[in-house]
Amino acid sequence: MTSGAMRNAATGSSIASRGTSRRCMHVHYLIIASLALALPACAPATPSAPLDTATEVAICTVEPFDRFIERFSRDTAFQRRTTSDPLIVERYDTAAEPEPRRVESNVALADVAWPVMPSLERLADSGRTHTVASGADGRMDVVIRTPDTSDQQIYVFRQTPCWQLQRVIDESI
């Protein structure tokens, strides 16, 4: 009798089939171990952290100013993302002596009163008007005013490369 044909008296299985069975088990263990190592690589990537404001502004889509300002004036969250930090605010100090004088301050975003600019669509409801004009060095100025009064604010925007509110000039006395 050859060794491949020898039978185990207790189990009735041949020595050859036990060897084959051990080889199959070994192959199964290798496959399971390989899958255990490979499957984590197939898992979906963890979601990235939300973008901070500076990153979001840096990757904005450059759009025509008329579309930008329409959205800016109606969306306070968008205003927060597209306003420079700090925001330069100019206003008249009416308590200054001997006469009012213009003062400039840098206001941190955390200290800005939102919305920083009213909705352009709703200005007429309060008797106000607005104009948009190109300023020096490619800037855009949005002037909001109440006719026949000193109530006038100028919002200065620059494209760096995205449109951003950089200055508010309150000319009201």
Protein backbone atom coordinates (compact mmCIF):
# COMPACT_ATOMS: atom_id res chain seq x y z
CA MET A 1 0.00 0.00 0.00
CA THR A 2 1.38 3.43 -0.89
CA SER A 3 1.40 6.29 1.58
CA GLY A 4 -1.28 8.14 -0.44
CA ALA A 5 -3.55 5.16 -0.15
CA MET A 6 -2.95 4.43 3.55
CA ARG A 7 -6.03 4.80 5.70
CA ASN A 8 -6.26 5.99 9.26
CA ALA A 9 -7.91 3.20 11.14
CA ALA A 10 -9.62 5.52 13.62
CA THR A 11 -11.15 8.02 11.16
CA GLY A 12 -11.25 6.06 7.95
CA SER A 13 -9.72 8.99 6.06
CA SER A 14 -6.69 8.58 3.90
CA ILE A 15 -3.44 10.30 4.79
CA ALA A 16 -3.47 11.97 1.35
CA SER A 17 -6.86 13.59 1.94
CA ARG A 18 -5.75 14.90 5.37
CA GLY A 19 -2.74 16.57 3.76
CA THR A 20 -4.97 18.14 1.12
CA SER A 21 -7.36 19.28 3.81
CA ARG A 22 -4.51 20.96 5.74
CA ARG A 23 -3.34 22.72 2.60
CA CYS A 24 -6.87 24.01 1.93
CA MET A 25 -7.14 25.29 5.50
CA HIS A 26 -3.78 27.02 5.11
CA VAL A 27 -4.96 28.68 1.88
CA HIS A 28 -8.21 29.78 3.59
CA TYR A 29 -6.24 31.35 6.45
CA LEU A 30 -4.06 33.19 3.93
CA ILE A 31 -7.12 34.51 2.10
CA ILE A 32 -8.78 35.66 5.33
CA ALA A 33 -5.58 37.34 6.52
CA SER A 34 -5.17 39.07 3.15
CA LEU A 35 -8.76 40.32 3.20
CA ALA A 36 -8.37 41.56 6.76
CA LEU A 37 -5.40 43.65 5.64
CA ALA A 38 -6.93 44.81 2.34
CA LEU A 39 -10.50 45.69 3.36
CA PRO A 40 -9.64 48.75 5.47
CA ALA A 41 -8.11 50.27 2.34
CA CYS A 42 -11.53 49.92 0.65
CA ALA A 43 -13.36 51.78 3.41
CA PRO A 44 -14.66 55.21 2.42
CA ALA A 45 -12.43 58.09 3.35
CA THR A 46 -13.41 59.93 6.47
CA PRO A 47 -15.13 63.21 5.70
CA SER A 48 -12.82 66.16 5.82
CA ALA A 49 -13.23 68.89 8.37
CA PRO A 50 -15.32 71.89 7.31
CA LEU A 51 -13.38 74.61 5.54
CA ASP A 52 -12.45 77.64 7.54
CA THR A 53 -13.47 81.01 6.19
CA ALA A 54 -10.07 81.88 4.75
CA THR A 55 -9.87 78.58 2.85
CA GLU A 56 -13.42 78.89 1.59
CA VAL A 57 -12.84 82.41 0.33
CA ALA A 58 -9.58 81.34 -1.31
CA ILE A 59 -11.37 78.69 -3.38
CA CYS A 60 -14.48 80.70 -4.26
CA THR A 61 -15.83 80.90 -7.74
CA VAL A 62 -15.14 84.28 -9.29
CA GLU A 63 -18.47 85.73 -10.36
CA PRO A 64 -19.67 89.01 -11.85
CA PHE A 65 -20.16 91.70 -9.22
CA ASP A 66 -23.88 92.15 -9.90
CA ARG A 67 -24.57 88.50 -9.01
CA PHE A 68 -22.22 88.65 -6.03
CA ILE A 69 -23.79 91.80 -4.53
CA GLU A 70 -27.32 90.46 -4.97
CA ARG A 71 -26.42 87.40 -2.90
CA PHE A 72 -24.33 89.41 -0.43
CA SER A 73 -27.19 91.78 0.36
CA ARG A 74 -29.74 89.03 1.07
CA ASP A 75 -27.63 86.29 2.74
CA THR A 76 -26.10 87.08 6.14
CA ALA A 77 -24.12 83.83 6.25
CA PHE A 78 -22.59 84.73 2.88
CA GLN A 79 -21.78 88.20 4.24
CA ARG A 80 -19.86 86.59 7.12
CA ARG A 81 -17.81 84.48 4.69
CA THR A 82 -17.01 87.34 2.31
CA THR A 83 -16.16 90.18 4.69
CA SER A 84 -12.53 90.92 5.48
CA ASP A 85 -11.22 90.36 8.97
CA PRO A 86 -10.73 92.95 10.27
CA LEU A 87 -13.29 95.13 8.54
CA ILE A 88 -12.23 98.77 8.17
CA VAL A 89 -15.03 101.05 9.35
CA GLU A 90 -14.97 104.81 8.86
CA ARG A 91 -17.51 107.07 10.53
CA TYR A 92 -17.90 110.58 11.85
CA ASP A 93 -17.33 111.21 15.54
CA THR A 94 -20.07 113.78 16.10
CA ALA A 95 -18.90 114.46 19.67
CA ALA A 96 -15.46 115.63 18.50
CA GLU A 97 -14.61 119.29 19.15
CA PRO A 98 -14.61 121.79 17.59
CA GLU A 99 -16.46 119.90 14.83
CA PRO A 100 -17.20 116.29 13.83
CA ARG A 101 -14.20 114.41 12.46
CA ARG A 102 -13.84 111.18 10.55
CA VAL A 103 -12.43 108.22 12.52
CA GLU A 104 -11.29 104.87 11.21
CA SER A 105 -11.26 101.60 13.13
CA ASN A 106 -10.49 97.96 12.43
CA VAL A 107 -13.41 95.83 13.55
CA ALA A 108 -12.93 92.10 14.11
CA LEU A 109 -15.56 89.91 12.45
CA ALA A 110 -16.71 88.75 15.87
CA ASP A 111 -17.62 92.37 16.67
CA VAL A 112 -19.42 93.23 13.42
CA ALA A 113 -23.17 93.81 13.69
CA TRP A 114 -24.82 91.43 11.20
CA PRO A 115 -26.15 91.92 8.65
CA VAL A 116 -23.40 94.36 7.82
CA MET A 117 -25.32 95.62 4.78
CA PRO A 118 -29.11 95.76 4.35
CA SER A 119 -30.97 93.90 1.63
CA LEU A 120 -30.87 95.93 -1.57
CA GLU A 121 -34.29 94.54 -2.53
CA ARG A 122 -35.91 96.02 0.59
CA LEU A 123 -34.32 99.48 0.59
CA ALA A 124 -37.31 101.17 -1.06
CA ASP A 125 -39.52 100.02 1.83
CA SER A 126 -37.56 102.41 4.08
CA GLY A 127 -37.25 105.24 1.55
CA ARG A 128 -33.61 104.48 0.74
CA THR A 129 -31.84 104.05 -2.60
CA HIS A 130 -28.61 102.47 -3.79
CA THR A 131 -26.12 102.89 -6.59
CA VAL A 132 -23.21 100.72 -7.68
CA ALA A 133 -20.11 102.37 -9.10
CA SER A 134 -16.66 101.27 -10.19
CA GLY A 135 -14.03 102.78 -7.95
CA ALA A 136 -10.30 103.20 -8.30
CA ASP A 137 -8.06 100.11 -8.71
CA GLY A 138 -10.91 97.78 -9.70
CA ARG A 139 -12.94 98.19 -6.54
CA MET A 140 -16.73 98.39 -6.52
CA ASP A 141 -18.60 100.84 -4.31
CA VAL A 142 -22.19 100.30 -3.22
CA VAL A 143 -23.70 103.55 -1.97
CA ILE A 144 -26.86 103.32 0.14
CA ARG A 145 -28.52 106.59 1.05
CA THR A 146 -31.65 108.29 2.20
CA PRO A 147 -32.39 111.20 -0.16
CA ASP A 148 -32.21 114.74 1.22
CA THR A 149 -30.35 113.67 4.39
CA SER A 150 -26.77 113.00 5.45
CA ASP A 151 -27.67 109.30 5.87
CA GLN A 152 -25.23 107.62 3.48
CA GLN A 153 -23.06 104.50 3.70
CA ILE A 154 -20.49 103.37 1.18
CA TYR A 155 -19.57 99.67 1.05
CA VAL A 156 -16.21 99.10 -0.63
CA PHE A 157 -15.57 95.72 -2.27
CA ARG A 158 -12.41 94.40 -3.88
CA GLN A 159 -11.75 91.23 -5.83
CA THR A 160 -8.77 89.42 -4.27
CA PRO A 161 -9.45 87.00 -6.25
CA CYS A 162 -12.94 86.72 -4.74
CA TRP A 163 -15.21 89.65 -4.05
CA GLN A 164 -14.88 90.75 -0.46
CA LEU A 165 -16.26 93.63 1.60
CA GLN A 166 -13.20 95.47 2.87
CA ARG A 167 -14.44 98.83 4.09
CA VAL A 168 -17.63 100.51 5.27
CA ILE A 169 -17.75 104.30 5.20
CA ASP A 170 -20.63 105.80 7.16
CA GLU A 171 -20.99 109.43 6.11
CA SER A 172 -24.01 110.09 8.32
CA ILE A 173 -23.72 112.98 10.74
